[in-house]
Amino acid sequence: MENKTLLNETLESGMESLKTMKPGSEEYTAAVNSLAKLHEMQMNETAEENSKTAKEDELQLKWHQTEADVQKADSDRRVEILKTVGGIAGTLIMGGLFVWNQVNGWFNEEEGHIPLSPTFKDGSRTLIQNIFRK
């Protein structure tokens, strides 16, 4: 920052000194050339700072993008796990209900109960009692 301040001060004082010089003289031409070079240096320094800032911004953008990708991948992984667990749980529940229905039907057939009749409920109760007696 100090170089930039010194450069600005030098350019300002050079511009002020040009007002006192006679245009077209060798001294005036040399001062103008020197000020042009200083102005060019100032522009180059500003361009370097802008380039550095742009690179830093680009790196930060890449970093944030990488973090977002990692979070999305983690979220996607969790969703896939939940889908898999849900599928397995659903399959086990449906299988269990199927087996329960089959076993319940066999016991009700043996006892002469017709499914969906009022005595079907009694057959289910009898099945549960028979399971826990053994």
Foldseek 3Di string as FASTA:
>chain_A
DVVLVVLVVVLVVLVVVLVVDDPPDPVNVVSVVVSVVSVVVNVVVVVVVVVVVVVVVVVVVVVVVVVVVVVVVVVVVVVVVVVVVVVVVVVVVVVVVVVLVVVLVVQCVVVVHDPPDPCSVVSSVVVVVVVVVD
